């Protein structure tokens, strides 16, 4: 699975997220039919994974999570045991709190 940064194609979404939430960074990624919105805020990170065509597979979730933990999330500032995940068949949201 290869994630491609598609942030430039979603300028309106990014702008609205930055204006209406506590987010300081919003990026979008695509892996075929699976889309990911990555958000960084002062107190947490958020990953929203969606696929309008089919249920999201567990191996996709694990690869996406590993990608962001390796490249975008400061793992020294989080407690991985406190990651909360909400799961629906075509939508998954991960909330990753930043530990002070």
PDB file of N, CA and C in Angstrom:
ATOM      1  N   UNK A   1       0.847  -1.171   0.000  1.00  0.00           N
ATOM      2  CA  UNK A   1       0.000   0.000   0.000  1.00  0.00           C
ATOM      3  C   UNK A   1       0.892   1.233   0.000  1.00  0.00           C
ATOM      4  N   UNK A   2       0.616   2.120  -0.933  1.00  0.00           N
ATOM      5  CA  UNK A   2       1.372   3.364  -1.025  1.00  0.00           C
ATOM      6  C   UNK A   2       0.430   4.529  -0.795  1.00  0.00           C
ATOM      7  N   UNK A   3       0.764   5.363   0.163  1.00  0.00           N
ATOM      8  CA  UNK A   3      -0.024   6.564   0.439  1.00  0.00           C
ATOM      9  C   UNK A   3       0.547   7.735  -0.339  1.00  0.00           C
ATOM     10  N   UNK A   4      -0.323   8.430  -1.059  1.00  0.00           N
ATOM     11  CA  UNK A   4       0.070   9.583  -1.858  1.00  0.00           C
ATOM     12  C   UNK A   4      -0.546  10.830  -1.238  1.00  0.00           C
ATOM     13  N   UNK A   5       0.276  11.838  -1.014  1.00  0.00           N
ATOM     14  CA  UNK A   5      -0.209  13.100  -0.449  1.00  0.00           C
ATOM     15  C   UNK A   5      -1.062  13.818  -1.495  1.00  0.00           C
ATOM     16  N   UNK A   6      -2.331  14.062  -1.147  1.00  0.00           N
ATOM     17  CA  UNK A   6      -3.277  14.727  -2.054  1.00  0.00           C
ATOM     18  C   UNK A   6      -3.787  16.042  -1.466  1.00  0.00           C
ATOM     19  N   UNK A   7      -3.044  16.613  -0.550  1.00  0.00           N
ATOM     20  CA  UNK A   7      -3.473  17.818   0.147  1.00  0.00           C
ATOM     21  C   UNK A   7      -3.793  18.959  -0.819  1.00  0.00           C
ATOM     22  N   UNK A   8      -2.983  19.142  -1.841  1.00  0.00           N
ATOM     23  CA  UNK A   8      -3.208  20.241  -2.789  1.00  0.00           C
ATOM     24  C   UNK A   8      -4.535  20.098  -3.525  1.00  0.00           C
ATOM     25  N   UNK A   9      -5.042  18.900  -3.658  1.00  0.00           N
ATOM     26  CA  UNK A   9      -6.318  18.671  -4.340  1.00  0.00           C
ATOM     27  C   UNK A   9      -7.520  18.903  -3.435  1.00  0.00           C
ATOM     28  N   UNK A  10      -7.286  19.107  -2.150  1.00  0.00           N
ATOM     29  CA  UNK A  10      -8.367  19.280  -1.179  1.00  0.00           C
ATOM     30  C   UNK A  10      -8.202  20.587  -0.404  1.00  0.00           C
ATOM     31  N   UNK A  11      -7.875  21.646  -1.101  1.00  0.00           N
ATOM     32  CA  UNK A  11      -7.580  22.930  -0.453  1.00  0.00           C
ATOM     33  C   UNK A  11      -8.757  23.446   0.366  1.00  0.00           C
ATOM     34  N   UNK A  12      -9.972  23.296  -0.132  1.00  0.00           N
ATOM     35  CA  UNK A  12     -11.147  23.809   0.591  1.00  0.00           C
ATOM     36  C   UNK A  12     -11.357  23.040   1.903  1.00  0.00           C
ATOM     37  N   UNK A  13     -11.232  21.722   1.861  1.00  0.00           N
ATOM     38  CA  UNK A  13     -11.361  20.906   3.070  1.00  0.00           C
ATOM     39  C   UNK A  13     -10.319  21.312   4.096  1.00  0.00           C
ATOM     40  N   UNK A  14      -9.084  21.446   3.660  1.00  0.00           N
ATOM     41  CA  UNK A  14      -7.988  21.808   4.567  1.00  0.00           C
ATOM     42  C   UNK A  14      -8.238  23.179   5.190  1.00  0.00           C
ATOM     43  N   UNK A  15      -8.629  24.138   4.364  1.00  0.00           N
ATOM     44  CA  UNK A  15      -8.889  25.494   4.858  1.00  0.00           C
ATOM     45  C   UNK A  15     -10.004  25.503   5.894  1.00  0.00           C
ATOM     46  N   UNK A  16     -11.091  24.791   5.627  1.00  0.00           N
ATOM     47  CA  UNK A  16     -12.210  24.749   6.575  1.00  0.00           C
ATOM     48  C   UNK A  16     -11.815  24.070   7.882  1.00  0.00           C
ATOM     49  N   UNK A  17     -11.044  23.006   7.802  1.00  0.00           N
ATOM     50  CA  UNK A  17     -10.585  22.331   9.018  1.00  0.00           C
ATOM     51  C   UNK A  17      -9.717  23.265   9.862  1.00  0.00           C
ATOM     52  N   UNK A  18      -8.821  23.977   9.208  1.00  0.00           N
ATOM     53  CA  UNK A  18      -7.940  24.888   9.942  1.00  0.00           C
ATOM     54  C   UNK A  18      -8.708  26.052  10.554  1.00  0.00           C
ATOM     55  N   UNK A  19      -9.737  26.531   9.869  1.00  0.00           N
ATOM     56  CA  UNK A  19     -10.529  27.656  10.367  1.00  0.00           C
ATOM     57  C   UNK A  19     -11.472  27.259  11.500  1.00  0.00           C
ATOM     58  N   UNK A  20     -12.012  26.045  11.459  1.00  0.00           N
ATOM     59  CA  UNK A  20     -13.099  25.667  12.367  1.00  0.00           C
ATOM     60  C   UNK A  20     -12.735  24.671  13.457  1.00  0.00           C
ATOM     61  N   UNK A  21     -11.476  24.281  13.532  1.00  0.00           N
ATOM     62  CA  UNK A  21     -11.055  23.356  14.590  1.00  0.00           C
ATOM     63  C   UNK A  21      -9.774  23.887  15.222  1.00  0.00           C
ATOM     64  N   UNK A  22      -9.258  23.154  16.198  1.00  0.00           N
ATOM     65  CA  UNK A  22      -7.999  23.544  16.827  1.00  0.00           C
ATOM     66  C   UNK A  22      -6.792  23.008  16.064  1.00  0.00           C
ATOM     67  N   UNK A  23      -7.003  22.473  14.880  1.00  0.00           N
ATOM     68  CA  UNK A  23      -5.928  21.887  14.083  1.00  0.00           C
ATOM     69  C   UNK A  23      -4.897  22.929  13.672  1.00  0.00           C
ATOM     70  N   UNK A  24      -3.638  22.513  13.704  1.00  0.00           N
ATOM     71  CA  UNK A  24      -2.552  23.357  13.222  1.00  0.00           C
ATOM     72  C   UNK A  24      -1.982  22.822  11.908  1.00  0.00           C
ATOM     73  N   UNK A  25      -2.322  21.579  11.578  1.00  0.00           N
ATOM     74  CA  UNK A  25      -1.865  20.952  10.344  1.00  0.00           C
ATOM     75  C   UNK A  25      -2.939  19.982   9.877  1.00  0.00           C
ATOM     76  N   UNK A  26      -3.293  20.045   8.591  1.00  0.00           N
ATOM     77  CA  UNK A  26      -4.241  19.109   7.993  1.00  0.00           C
ATOM     78  C   UNK A  26      -3.649  18.655   6.668  1.00  0.00           C
ATOM     79  N   UNK A  27      -3.566  17.343   6.480  1.00  0.00           N
ATOM     80  CA  UNK A  27      -3.073  16.781   5.230  1.00  0.00           C
ATOM     81  C   UNK A  27      -3.992  15.652   4.802  1.00  0.00           C
ATOM     82  N   UNK A  28      -4.131  15.466   3.488  1.00  0.00           N
ATOM     83  CA  UNK A  28      -4.931  14.361   2.970  1.00  0.00           C
ATOM     84  C   UNK A  28      -4.033  13.430   2.165  1.00  0.00           C
ATOM     85  N   UNK A  29      -4.371  12.150   2.211  1.00  0.00           N
ATOM     86  CA  UNK A  29      -3.616  11.118   1.512  1.00  0.00           C
ATOM     87  C   UNK A  29      -4.589  10.161   0.849  1.00  0.00           C
ATOM     88  N   UNK A  30      -4.102   9.488  -0.185  1.00  0.00           N
ATOM     89  CA  UNK A  30      -4.921   8.512  -0.887  1.00  0.00           C
ATOM     90  C   UNK A  30      -4.113   7.236  -1.104  1.00  0.00           C
ATOM     91  N   UNK A  31      -4.804   6.110  -0.957  1.00  0.00           N
ATOM     92  CA  UNK A  31      -4.250   4.802  -1.302  1.00  0.00           C
ATOM     93  C   UNK A  31      -5.333   4.108  -2.121  1.00  0.00           C
ATOM     94  N   UNK A  32      -5.464   4.505  -3.361  1.00  0.00           N
ATOM     95  CA  UNK A  32      -6.538   3.973  -4.206  1.00  0.00           C
ATOM     96  C   UNK A  32      -7.872   4.527  -3.748  1.00  0.00           C
ATOM     97  N   UNK A  33      -8.808   3.637  -3.405  1.00  0.00           N
ATOM     98  CA  UNK A  33     -10.135   4.059  -2.942  1.00  0.00           C
ATOM     99  C   UNK A  33     -10.165   4.429  -1.461  1.00  0.00           C
ATOM    100  N   UNK A  34      -9.080   4.219  -0.772  1.00  0.00           N
ATOM    101  CA  UNK A  34      -9.007   4.549   0.648  1.00  0.00           C
ATOM    102  C   UNK A  34      -8.360   5.919   0.813  1.00  0.00           C
ATOM    103  N   UNK A  35      -9.065   6.804   1.518  1.00  0.00           N
ATOM    104  CA  UNK A  35      -8.575   8.154   1.769  1.00  0.00           C
ATOM    105  C   UNK A  35      -8.281   8.333   3.248  1.00  0.00           C
ATOM    106  N   UNK A  36      -7.282   9.150   3.539  1.00  0.00           N
ATOM    107  CA  UNK A  36      -6.877   9.413   4.915  1.00  0.00           C
ATOM    108  C   UNK A  36      -6.768  10.918   5.105  1.00  0.00           C
ATOM    109  N   UNK A  37      -7.341  11.408   6.206  1.00  0.00           N
ATOM    110  CA  UNK A  37      -7.150  12.807   6.602  1.00  0.00           C
ATOM    111  C   UNK A  37      -6.349  12.782   7.901  1.00  0.00           C
ATOM    112  N   UNK A  38      -5.197  13.415   7.873  1.00  0.00           N
ATOM    113  CA  UNK A  38      -4.316  13.506   9.034  1.00  0.00           C
ATOM    114  C   UNK A  38      -4.412  14.908   9.599  1.00  0.00           C
ATOM    115  N   UNK A  39      -4.671  15.006  10.899  1.00  0.00           N
ATOM    116  CA  UNK A  39      -4.795  16.298  11.559  1.00  0.00           C
ATOM    117  C   UNK A  39      -3.888  16.331  12.785  1.00  0.00           C
ATOM    118  N   UNK A  40      -3.185  17.433  12.933  1.00  0.00           N
ATOM    119  CA  UNK A  40      -2.366  17.652  14.121  1.00  0.00           C
ATOM    120  C   UNK A  40      -2.900  18.878  14.833  1.00  0.00           C
ATOM    121  N   UNK A  41      -3.103  18.748  16.132  1.00  0.00           N
ATOM    122  CA  UNK A  41      -3.553  19.845  16.987  1.00  0.00           C
ATOM    123  C   UNK A  41      -2.619  19.903  18.192  1.00  0.00           C
ATOM    124  N   UNK A  42      -2.718  20.944  18.998  1.00  0.00           N
ATOM    125  CA  UNK A  42      -1.810  21.055  20.151  1.00  0.00           C
ATOM    126  C   UNK A  42      -1.909  19.894  21.152  1.00  0.00           C
ATOM    127  N   UNK A  43      -3.087  19.288  21.266  1.00  0.00           N
ATOM    128  CA  UNK A  43      -3.268  18.242  22.282  1.00  0.00           C
ATOM    129  C   UNK A  43      -3.438  16.840  21.726  1.00  0.00           C
ATOM    130  N   UNK A  44      -3.514  16.697  20.395  1.00  0.00           N
ATOM    131  CA  UNK A  44      -3.749  15.371  19.823  1.00  0.00           C
ATOM    132  C   UNK A  44      -3.481  15.335  18.317  1.00  0.00           C
ATOM    133  N   UNK A  45      -3.399  14.129  17.824  1.00  0.00           N
ATOM    134  CA  UNK A  45      -3.367  13.855  16.390  1.00  0.00           C
ATOM    135  C   UNK A  45      -4.654  13.109  16.059  1.00  0.00           C
ATOM    136  N   UNK A  46      -5.138  13.243  14.839  1.00  0.00           N
ATOM    137  CA  UNK A  46      -6.327  12.505  14.388  1.00  0.00           C
ATOM    138  C   UNK A  46      -6.029  11.876  13.038  1.00  0.00           C
ATOM    139  N   UNK A  47      -6.482  10.652  12.868  1.00  0.00           N
ATOM    140  CA  UNK A  47      -6.449   9.979  11.578  1.00  0.00           C
ATOM    141  C   UNK A  47      -7.872   9.566  11.247  1.00  0.00           C
ATOM    142  N   UNK A  48      -8.359   9.998  10.105  1.00  0.00           N
ATOM    143  CA  UNK A  48      -9.681   9.608   9.632  1.00  0.00           C
ATOM    144  C   UNK A  48      -9.465   8.826   8.347  1.00  0.00           C
ATOM    145  N   UNK A  49      -9.891   7.571   8.336  1.00  0.00           N
ATOM    146  CA  UNK A  49      -9.693   6.680   7.193  1.00  0.00           C
ATOM    147  C   UNK A  49     -11.063   6.355   6.622  1.00  0.00           C
ATOM    148  N   UNK A  50     -11.243   6.564   5.315  1.00  0.00           N
ATOM    149  CA  UNK A  50     -12.537   6.305   4.686  1.00  0.00           C
ATOM    150  C   UNK A  50     -12.357   5.532   3.382  1.00  0.00           C
ATOM    151  N   UNK A  51     -13.385   4.762   3.062  1.00  0.00           N
ATOM    152  CA  UNK A  51     -13.464   4.094   1.775  1.00  0.00           C
ATOM    153  C   UNK A  51     -14.938   3.984   1.435  1.00  0.00           C
ATOM    154  N   UNK A  52     -15.377   4.661   0.387  1.00  0.00           N
ATOM    155  CA  UNK A  52     -16.793   4.694   0.012  1.00  0.00           C
ATOM    156  C   UNK A  52     -17.244   3.434  -0.711  1.00  0.00           C
ATOM    157  N   UNK A  53     -16.312   2.590  -1.128  1.00  0.00           N
ATOM    158  CA  UNK A  53     -16.640   1.445  -1.971  1.00  0.00           C
ATOM    159  C   UNK A  53     -16.662   0.098  -1.252  1.00  0.00           C
ATOM    160  N   UNK A  54     -15.981   0.004  -0.124  1.00  0.00           N
ATOM    161  CA  UNK A  54     -15.918  -1.277   0.583  1.00  0.00           C
ATOM    162  C   UNK A  54     -15.482  -1.052   2.028  1.00  0.00           C
ATOM    163  N   UNK A  55     -15.598  -2.092   2.822  1.00  0.00           N
ATOM    164  CA  UNK A  55     -15.140  -2.017   4.209  1.00  0.00           C
ATOM    165  C   UNK A  55     -13.615  -1.905   4.239  1.00  0.00           C
ATOM    166  N   UNK A  56     -13.127  -1.189   5.215  1.00  0.00           N
ATOM    167  CA  UNK A  56     -11.683  -1.011   5.384  1.00  0.00           C
ATOM    168  C   UNK A  56     -11.131  -2.250   6.083  1.00  0.00           C
ATOM    169  N   UNK A  57     -10.080  -2.807   5.517  1.00  0.00           N
ATOM    170  CA  UNK A  57      -9.482  -4.027   6.073  1.00  0.00           C
ATOM    171  C   UNK A  57      -8.534  -3.685   7.226  1.00  0.00           C
ATOM    172  N   UNK A  58      -8.402  -4.619   8.151  1.00  0.00           N
ATOM    173  CA  UNK A  58      -7.534  -4.414   9.313  1.00  0.00           C
ATOM    174  C   UNK A  58      -6.081  -4.209   8.902  1.00  0.00           C
ATOM    175  N   UNK A  59      -5.617  -4.926   7.876  1.00  0.00           N
ATOM    176  CA  UNK A  59      -4.231  -4.753   7.450  1.00  0.00           C
ATOM    177  C   UNK A  59      -3.995  -3.340   6.899  1.00  0.00           C
ATOM    178  N   UNK A  60      -5.005  -2.730   6.278  1.00  0.00           N
ATOM    179  CA  UNK A  60      -4.894  -1.348   5.810  1.00  0.00           C
ATOM    180  C   UNK A  60      -4.733  -0.393   6.996  1.00  0.00           C
ATOM    181  N   UNK A  61      -5.551  -0.608   8.013  1.00  0.00           N
ATOM    182  CA  UNK A  61      -5.492   0.236   9.210  1.00  0.00           C
ATOM    183  C   UNK A  61      -4.102   0.159   9.841  1.00  0.00           C
ATOM    184  N   UNK A  62      -3.567  -1.039   9.952  1.00  0.00           N
ATOM    185  CA  UNK A  62      -2.254  -1.216  10.566  1.00  0.00           C
ATOM    186  C   UNK A  62      -1.151  -0.550   9.742  1.00  0.00           C
ATOM    187  N   UNK A  63      -1.218  -0.669   8.422  1.00  0.00           N
ATOM    188  CA  UNK A  63      -0.202  -0.051   7.568  1.00  0.00           C
ATOM    189  C   UNK A  63      -0.294   1.474   7.610  1.00  0.00           C
ATOM    190  N   UNK A  64      -1.507   1.994   7.603  1.00  0.00           N
ATOM    191  CA  UNK A  64      -1.694   3.445   7.672  1.00  0.00           C
ATOM    192  C   UNK A  64      -1.199   3.972   9.020  1.00  0.00           C
ATOM    193  N   UNK A  65      -1.569   3.288  10.079  1.00  0.00           N
ATOM    194  CA  UNK A  65      -1.129   3.696  11.426  1.00  0.00           C
ATOM    195  C   UNK A  65       0.401   3.687  11.510  1.00  0.00           C
ATOM    196  N   UNK A  66       1.022   2.628  11.001  1.00  0.00           N
ATOM    197  CA  UNK A  66       2.482   2.530  11.031  1.00  0.00           C
ATOM    198  C   UNK A  66       3.131   3.643  10.207  1.00  0.00           C
ATOM    199  N   UNK A  67       2.560   3.969   9.055  1.00  0.00           N
ATOM    200  CA  UNK A  67       3.074   5.043   8.205  1.00  0.00           C
ATOM    201  C   UNK A  67       3.119   6.361   8.974  1.00  0.00           C
ATOM    202  N   UNK A  68       2.015   6.697   9.631  1.00  0.00           N
ATOM    203  CA  UNK A  68       1.957   7.987  10.323  1.00  0.00           C
ATOM    204  C   UNK A  68       2.780   7.985  11.606  1.00  0.00           C
ATOM    205  N   UNK A  69       2.847   6.870  12.315  1.00  0.00           N
ATOM    206  CA  UNK A  69       3.689   6.805  13.509  1.00  0.00           C
ATOM    207  C   UNK A  69       5.166   6.935  13.150  1.00  0.00           C
ATOM    208  N   UNK A  70       5.521   6.476  11.974  1.00  0.00           N
ATOM    209  CA  UNK A  70       6.918   6.552  11.553  1.00  0.00           C
ATOM    210  C   UNK A  70       7.291   7.916  10.982  1.00  0.00           C
ATOM    211  N   UNK A  71       6.367   8.555  10.246  1.00  0.00           N
ATOM    212  CA  UNK A  71       6.726   9.742   9.479  1.00  0.00           C
ATOM    213  C   UNK A  71       6.145  11.060   9.975  1.00  0.00           C
ATOM    214  N   UNK A  72       4.987  11.059  10.616  1.00  0.00           N
ATOM    215  CA  UNK A  72       4.289  12.312  10.922  1.00  0.00           C
ATOM    216  C   UNK A  72       4.056  12.566  12.403  1.00  0.00           C
ATOM    217  N   UNK A  73       4.048  11.522  13.193  1.00  0.00           N
ATOM    218  CA  UNK A  73       3.697  11.659  14.606  1.00  0.00           C
ATOM    219  C   UNK A  73       4.946  11.536  15.458  1.00  0.00           C
ATOM    220  N   UNK A  74       5.120  12.492  16.351  1.00  0.00           N
ATOM    221  CA  UNK A  74       6.241  12.462  17.278  1.00  0.00           C
ATOM    222  C   UNK A  74       5.941  11.420  18.358  1.00  0.00           C
ATOM    223  N   UNK A  75       6.465  10.220  18.188  1.00  0.00           N
ATOM    224  CA  UNK A  75       6.135   9.114  19.093  1.00  0.00           C
ATOM    225  C   UNK A  75       6.658   9.322  20.511  1.00  0.00           C
ATOM    226  N   UNK A  76       7.593  10.249  20.688  1.00  0.00           N
ATOM    227  CA  UNK A  76       8.079  10.562  22.040  1.00  0.00           C
ATOM    228  C   UNK A  76       7.049  11.365  22.834  1.00  0.00           C
ATOM    229  N   UNK A  77       6.078  11.945  22.128  1.00  0.00           N
ATOM    230  CA  UNK A  77       5.073  12.799  22.785  1.00  0.00           C
ATOM    231  C   UNK A  77       3.738  12.102  22.988  1.00  0.00           C
ATOM    232  N   UNK A  78       3.620  10.827  22.604  1.00  0.00           N
ATOM    233  CA  UNK A  78       2.339  10.128  22.743  1.00  0.00           C
ATOM    234  C   UNK A  78       2.500   8.866  23.569  1.00  0.00           C
ATOM    235  N   UNK A  79       1.375   8.386  24.094  1.00  0.00           N
ATOM    236  CA  UNK A  79       1.313   7.098  24.779  1.00  0.00           C
ATOM    237  C   UNK A  79       0.465   6.203  23.882  1.00  0.00           C
ATOM    238  N   UNK A  80       1.108   5.262  23.189  1.00  0.00           N
ATOM    239  CA  UNK A  80       0.396   4.442  22.217  1.00  0.00           C
ATOM    240  C   UNK A  80      -0.733   3.625  22.839  1.00  0.00           C
ATOM    241  N   UNK A  81      -0.655   3.374  24.130  1.00  0.00           N
ATOM    242  CA  UNK A  81      -1.728   2.622  24.795  1.00  0.00           C
ATOM    243  C   UNK A  81      -2.998   3.456  24.961  1.00  0.00           C
ATOM    244  N   UNK A  82      -2.903   4.777  24.764  1.00  0.00           N
ATOM    245  CA  UNK A  82      -4.067   5.652  24.933  1.00  0.00           C
ATOM    246  C   UNK A  82      -4.720   6.029  23.602  1.00  0.00           C
ATOM    247  N   UNK A  83      -4.280   5.415  22.509  1.00  0.00           N
ATOM    248  CA  UNK A  83      -4.900   5.677  21.212  1.00  0.00           C
ATOM    249  C   UNK A  83      -6.317   5.118  21.238  1.00  0.00           C
ATOM    250  N   UNK A  84      -7.279   5.964  20.871  1.00  0.00           N
ATOM    251  CA  UNK A  84      -8.682   5.541  20.815  1.00  0.00           C
ATOM    252  C   UNK A  84      -9.087   5.408  19.357  1.00  0.00           C
ATOM    253  N   UNK A  85      -9.786   4.312  19.057  1.00  0.00           N
ATOM    254  CA  UNK A  85     -10.199   4.043  17.686  1.00  0.00           C
ATOM    255  C   UNK A  85     -11.688   3.791  17.630  1.00  0.00           C
ATOM    256  N   UNK A  86     -12.368   4.523  16.740  1.00  0.00           N
ATOM    257  CA  UNK A  86     -13.787   4.301  16.463  1.00  0.00           C
ATOM    258  C   UNK A  86     -13.865   3.604  15.116  1.00  0.00           C
ATOM    259  N   UNK A  87     -14.590   2.483  15.069  1.00  0.00           N
ATOM    260  CA  UNK A  87     -14.610   1.674  13.856  1.00  0.00           C
ATOM    261  C   UNK A  87     -16.026   1.510  13.324  1.00  0.00           C
ATOM    262  N   UNK A  88     -16.219   1.869  12.070  1.00  0.00           N
ATOM    263  CA  UNK A  88     -17.405   1.568  11.278  1.00  0.00           C
ATOM    264  C   UNK A  88     -16.876   0.871  10.024  1.00  0.00           C
ATOM    265  N   UNK A  89     -17.700   0.172   9.282  1.00  0.00           N
ATOM    266  CA  UNK A  89     -17.163  -0.559   8.131  1.00  0.00           C
ATOM    267  C   UNK A  89     -16.397   0.308   7.124  1.00  0.00           C
ATOM    268  N   UNK A  90     -16.915   1.483   6.780  1.00  0.00           N
ATOM    269  CA  UNK A  90     -16.261   2.304   5.764  1.00  0.00           C
ATOM    270  C   UNK A  90     -15.621   3.573   6.327  1.00  0.00           C
ATOM    271  N   UNK A  91     -15.507   3.649   7.657  1.00  0.00           N
ATOM    272  CA  UNK A  91     -14.939   4.830   8.308  1.00  0.00           C
ATOM    273  C   UNK A  91     -14.255   4.416   9.598  1.00  0.00           C
ATOM    274  N   UNK A  92     -13.027   4.852   9.773  1.00  0.00           N
ATOM    275  CA  UNK A  92     -12.282   4.593  11.010  1.00  0.00           C
ATOM    276  C   UNK A  92     -11.652   5.902  11.456  1.00  0.00           C
ATOM    277  N   UNK A  93     -11.810   6.212  12.732  1.00  0.00           N
ATOM    278  CA  UNK A  93     -11.201   7.415  13.287  1.00  0.00           C
ATOM    279  C   UNK A  93     -10.295   7.037  14.446  1.00  0.00           C
ATOM    280  N   UNK A  94      -9.050   7.499  14.392  1.00  0.00           N
ATOM    281  CA  UNK A  94      -8.096   7.273  15.470  1.00  0.00           C
ATOM    282  C   UNK A  94      -7.759   8.601  16.106  1.00  0.00           C
ATOM    283  N   UNK A  95      -7.887   8.663  17.409  1.00  0.00           N
ATOM    284  CA  UNK A  95      -7.515   9.843  18.172  1.00  0.00           C
ATOM    285  C   UNK A  95      -6.285   9.480  18.993  1.00  0.00           C
ATOM    286  N   UNK A  96      -5.220  10.247  18.805  1.00  0.00           N
ATOM    287  CA  UNK A  96      -3.939   9.947  19.441  1.00  0.00           C
ATOM    288  C   UNK A  96      -3.567  11.138  20.324  1.00  0.00           C
ATOM    289  N   UNK A  97      -3.813  11.026  21.634  1.00  0.00           N
ATOM    290  CA  UNK A  97      -3.533  12.171  22.514  1.00  0.00           C
ATOM    291  C   UNK A  97      -2.032  12.405  22.699  1.00  0.00           C
ATOM    292  N   UNK A  98      -1.675  13.674  22.815  1.00  0.00           N
ATOM    293  CA  UNK A  98      -0.308  14.066  23.097  1.00  0.00           C
ATOM    294  C   UNK A  98      -0.150  14.162  24.609  1.00  0.00           C
ATOM    295  N   UNK A  99       0.849  13.489  25.139  1.00  0.00           N
ATOM    296  CA  UNK A  99       1.104  13.486  26.577  1.00  0.00           C
ATOM    297  C   UNK A  99       2.046  14.637  26.886  1.00  0.00           C
ATOM    298  N   UNK A 100       1.703  15.417  27.901  1.00  0.00           N
ATOM    299  CA  UNK A 100       2.554  16.549  28.289  1.00  0.00           C
ATOM    300  C   UNK A 100       3.663  16.133  29.198  1.00  0.00           C
TER     301      UNK A 100
END
